[in-house]
Amino acid sequence: MEFSSPAHLMNRIPRPRRALGVMRRMRLGYPILEAGPLAITTYLDGYGAEAALWLGYFRRNGWIAAQDWPNGVRAWFLSDRGLAILALGEDWWQSLTWSQRLVYWLS
């Protein structure tokens, strides 16, 4: 996904406020967990089934990288590209007025 500005990028992400929330948690050391490559269980504390949707979206865009744990769980962390996207997203969020933020909070 190429972009010319943080606003351009964030307007192409579905539910950008939620995406920022997930990425912030991942940056703090909470990876998206996948219970093995053939399992249908995906988890990120506080995001429930939504974590599976973000896993697919982030993976398609190259924003995350997998780490296989010995217990069979695959942990997905932000890649360098994902961290760069998060930084752009944070800049975008800070550039919004309170009323613009409210629109994203309600959507």
C-alpha atoms as a PDB file:
ATOM      1  CA  MET A   1       0.000   0.000   0.000  1.00  0.00           C
ATOM      2  CA  GLU A   2       1.651   3.193  -1.149  1.00  0.00           C
ATOM      3  CA  PHE A   3       0.703   6.577   0.247  1.00  0.00           C
ATOM      4  CA  SER A   4       1.521  10.223  -0.187  1.00  0.00           C
ATOM      5  CA  SER A   5       0.601  11.439   3.314  1.00  0.00           C
ATOM      6  CA  PRO A   6      -0.574  10.082   6.668  1.00  0.00           C
ATOM      7  CA  ALA A   7      -4.125  11.223   5.892  1.00  0.00           C
ATOM      8  CA  HIS A   8      -4.086   9.452   2.532  1.00  0.00           C
ATOM      9  CA  LEU A   9      -2.876   6.256   4.175  1.00  0.00           C
ATOM     10  CA  MET A  10      -5.350   6.329   7.064  1.00  0.00           C
ATOM     11  CA  ASN A  11      -8.284   6.994   4.762  1.00  0.00           C
ATOM     12  CA  ARG A  12      -7.475   3.715   2.974  1.00  0.00           C
ATOM     13  CA  ILE A  13      -7.503   1.655   6.185  1.00  0.00           C
ATOM     14  CA  PRO A  14     -10.884   0.311   7.299  1.00  0.00           C
ATOM     15  CA  ARG A  15     -11.726   1.678  10.772  1.00  0.00           C
ATOM     16  CA  PRO A  16      -8.402   3.502  11.201  1.00  0.00           C
ATOM     17  CA  ARG A  17      -8.993   4.347  14.868  1.00  0.00           C
ATOM     18  CA  ARG A  18      -9.426   0.641  15.674  1.00  0.00           C
ATOM     19  CA  ALA A  19      -6.375  -0.254  13.578  1.00  0.00           C
ATOM     20  CA  LEU A  20      -4.315   2.239  15.595  1.00  0.00           C
ATOM     21  CA  GLY A  21      -5.596   0.702  18.819  1.00  0.00           C
ATOM     22  CA  VAL A  22      -4.565  -2.800  17.744  1.00  0.00           C
ATOM     23  CA  MET A  23      -1.164  -1.609  16.554  1.00  0.00           C
ATOM     24  CA  ARG A  24      -0.577   0.324  19.777  1.00  0.00           C
ATOM     25  CA  ARG A  25      -1.224  -2.843  21.807  1.00  0.00           C
ATOM     26  CA  MET A  26       1.145  -4.775  19.575  1.00  0.00           C
ATOM     27  CA  ARG A  27       3.854  -2.129  20.007  1.00  0.00           C
ATOM     28  CA  LEU A  28       3.492  -2.532  23.788  1.00  0.00           C
ATOM     29  CA  GLY A  29       4.391  -6.209  23.449  1.00  0.00           C
ATOM     30  CA  TYR A  30       0.966  -7.828  23.036  1.00  0.00           C
ATOM     31  CA  PRO A  31       1.151  -9.793  19.780  1.00  0.00           C
ATOM     32  CA  ILE A  32      -1.803 -11.228  17.916  1.00  0.00           C
ATOM     33  CA  LEU A  33      -1.743 -14.910  18.797  1.00  0.00           C
ATOM     34  CA  GLU A  34      -2.692 -17.659  16.357  1.00  0.00           C
ATOM     35  CA  ALA A  35      -3.062 -21.176  17.764  1.00  0.00           C
ATOM     36  CA  GLY A  36      -1.044 -22.899  15.042  1.00  0.00           C
ATOM     37  CA  PRO A  37      -1.194 -22.457  11.263  1.00  0.00           C
ATOM     38  CA  LEU A  38      -4.228 -24.747  10.853  1.00  0.00           C
ATOM     39  CA  ALA A  39      -6.196 -23.490  13.860  1.00  0.00           C
ATOM     40  CA  ILE A  40      -9.114 -21.114  13.709  1.00  0.00           C
ATOM     41  CA  THR A  41      -8.320 -19.483  17.051  1.00  0.00           C
ATOM     42  CA  THR A  42      -6.818 -16.014  16.947  1.00  0.00           C
ATOM     43  CA  TYR A  43      -6.507 -13.755  19.980  1.00  0.00           C
ATOM     44  CA  LEU A  44      -5.495 -10.266  21.049  1.00  0.00           C
ATOM     45  CA  ASP A  45      -6.565  -9.212  24.534  1.00  0.00           C
ATOM     46  CA  GLY A  46      -9.466  -6.793  24.302  1.00  0.00           C
ATOM     47  CA  TYR A  47     -10.252  -7.365  20.628  1.00  0.00           C
ATOM     48  CA  GLY A  48     -11.913 -10.800  20.542  1.00  0.00           C
ATOM     49  CA  ALA A  49     -12.772 -12.125  17.102  1.00  0.00           C
ATOM     50  CA  GLU A  50     -11.819  -8.800  15.542  1.00  0.00           C
ATOM     51  CA  ALA A  51      -8.171  -9.827  16.017  1.00  0.00           C
ATOM     52  CA  ALA A  52      -8.536 -12.385  13.214  1.00  0.00           C
ATOM     53  CA  LEU A  53      -9.701  -9.687  10.795  1.00  0.00           C
ATOM     54  CA  TRP A  54      -6.786  -7.417  11.667  1.00  0.00           C
ATOM     55  CA  LEU A  55      -4.359 -10.331  11.392  1.00  0.00           C
ATOM     56  CA  GLY A  56      -5.377 -10.919   7.787  1.00  0.00           C
ATOM     57  CA  TYR A  57      -5.330  -7.223   6.893  1.00  0.00           C
ATOM     58  CA  PHE A  58      -1.963  -6.530   8.524  1.00  0.00           C
ATOM     59  CA  ARG A  59      -0.429  -9.670   7.020  1.00  0.00           C
ATOM     60  CA  ARG A  60      -1.584  -8.768   3.483  1.00  0.00           C
ATOM     61  CA  ASN A  61       0.047  -5.351   3.839  1.00  0.00           C
ATOM     62  CA  GLY A  62       3.308  -6.650   5.298  1.00  0.00           C
ATOM     63  CA  TRP A  63       2.876  -4.810   8.595  1.00  0.00           C
ATOM     64  CA  ILE A  64       3.458  -7.858  10.830  1.00  0.00           C
ATOM     65  CA  ALA A  65       5.937 -10.702  11.124  1.00  0.00           C
ATOM     66  CA  ALA A  66       5.400 -14.131  12.681  1.00  0.00           C
ATOM     67  CA  GLN A  67       7.339 -15.767  15.434  1.00  0.00           C
ATOM     68  CA  ASP A  68       6.605 -19.450  16.110  1.00  0.00           C
ATOM     69  CA  TRP A  69       6.632 -20.341  19.776  1.00  0.00           C
ATOM     70  CA  PRO A  70       7.595 -23.851  21.030  1.00  0.00           C
ATOM     71  CA  ASN A  71       4.053 -24.539  22.277  1.00  0.00           C
ATOM     72  CA  GLY A  72       2.665 -24.383  18.727  1.00  0.00           C
ATOM     73  CA  VAL A  73       1.360 -20.823  18.986  1.00  0.00           C
ATOM     74  CA  ARG A  74       2.296 -18.341  16.291  1.00  0.00           C
ATOM     75  CA  ALA A  75       2.765 -14.813  17.605  1.00  0.00           C
ATOM     76  CA  TRP A  76       2.464 -11.898  15.193  1.00  0.00           C
ATOM     77  CA  PHE A  77       4.416  -8.746  16.007  1.00  0.00           C
ATOM     78  CA  LEU A  78       4.653  -5.455  14.135  1.00  0.00           C
ATOM     79  CA  SER A  79       7.325  -5.520  11.446  1.00  0.00           C
ATOM     80  CA  ASP A  80       9.556  -2.528  10.752  1.00  0.00           C
ATOM     81  CA  ARG A  81       7.058  -1.479   8.079  1.00  0.00           C
ATOM     82  CA  GLY A  82       4.233  -1.873  10.601  1.00  0.00           C
ATOM     83  CA  LEU A  83       6.037   0.333  13.098  1.00  0.00           C
ATOM     84  CA  ALA A  84       6.522   2.969  10.379  1.00  0.00           C
ATOM     85  CA  ILE A  85       2.810   2.804   9.509  1.00  0.00           C
ATOM     86  CA  LEU A  86       1.925   3.130  13.192  1.00  0.00           C
ATOM     87  CA  ALA A  87       4.110   6.248  13.473  1.00  0.00           C
ATOM     88  CA  LEU A  88       2.336   7.769  10.456  1.00  0.00           C
ATOM     89  CA  GLY A  89      -0.998   6.842  11.990  1.00  0.00           C
ATOM     90  CA  GLU A  90      -0.076   8.516  15.270  1.00  0.00           C
ATOM     91  CA  ASP A  91       0.896  11.685  13.377  1.00  0.00           C
ATOM     92  CA  TRP A  92      -2.416  11.575  11.523  1.00  0.00           C
ATOM     93  CA  TRP A  93      -4.410  11.100  14.740  1.00  0.00           C
ATOM     94  CA  GLN A  94      -2.616  14.023  16.414  1.00  0.00           C
ATOM     95  CA  SER A  95      -3.409  16.236  13.410  1.00  0.00           C
ATOM     96  CA  LEU A  96      -7.173  15.741  13.796  1.00  0.00           C
ATOM     97  CA  THR A  97      -9.421  18.196  15.601  1.00  0.00           C
ATOM     98  CA  TRP A  98     -11.529  16.900  18.482  1.00  0.00           C
ATOM     99  CA  SER A  99     -14.628  16.891  16.268  1.00  0.00           C
ATOM    100  CA  GLN A 100     -12.843  14.871  13.578  1.00  0.00           C
ATOM    101  CA  ARG A 101     -11.716  12.390  16.240  1.00  0.00           C
ATOM    102  CA  LEU A 102     -15.284  12.119  17.474  1.00  0.00           C
ATOM    103  CA  VAL A 103     -16.428  11.071  13.999  1.00  0.00           C
ATOM    104  CA  TYR A 104     -13.851   8.267  13.982  1.00  0.00           C
ATOM    105  CA  TRP A 105     -14.793   7.243  17.531  1.00  0.00           C
ATOM    106  CA  LEU A 106     -18.437   6.916  16.506  1.00  0.00           C
ATOM    107  CA  SER A 107     -17.782   5.044  13.268  1.00  0.00           C
END
